Amino acid sequence: MARKFIMVSGIHNAMADKTETTRTMSREEFADYLRMLADGFDGDGEMAVSVENKSVTLHPPNEVTTDVEVVERSSILRGDRESIGIDAHWKSTE
């Protein structure tokens, strides 16, 4: 079964600029994308996040709030499904 990944950018001021994509990746590609995000959070200051053909620059502070959701669904008609959602949010340092 193909897994889908959605990446959404941060919120700027009172207006929300949202960049979103859904695509199918191999497990290895998804792991590489997560490592790229982790490297961005490991650095100081701004980080660039690639979403399709766009690069979004974010400014996370030293502490971010995270939410992790894991869902397991069992259905006789549709089969078993699993998903994980990871959300990180913060007030921009810019």
Foldseek 3Di string as FASTA:
>chain_A
DFDWDWDWDAQDDPGRDTDIDIDTDDPVVVVVLVVQVVVQLPDAFWGWHDDPPDIDIAGDDVDWDKDKDWDWDADPVPGIDIDIDIDIYDDGPD
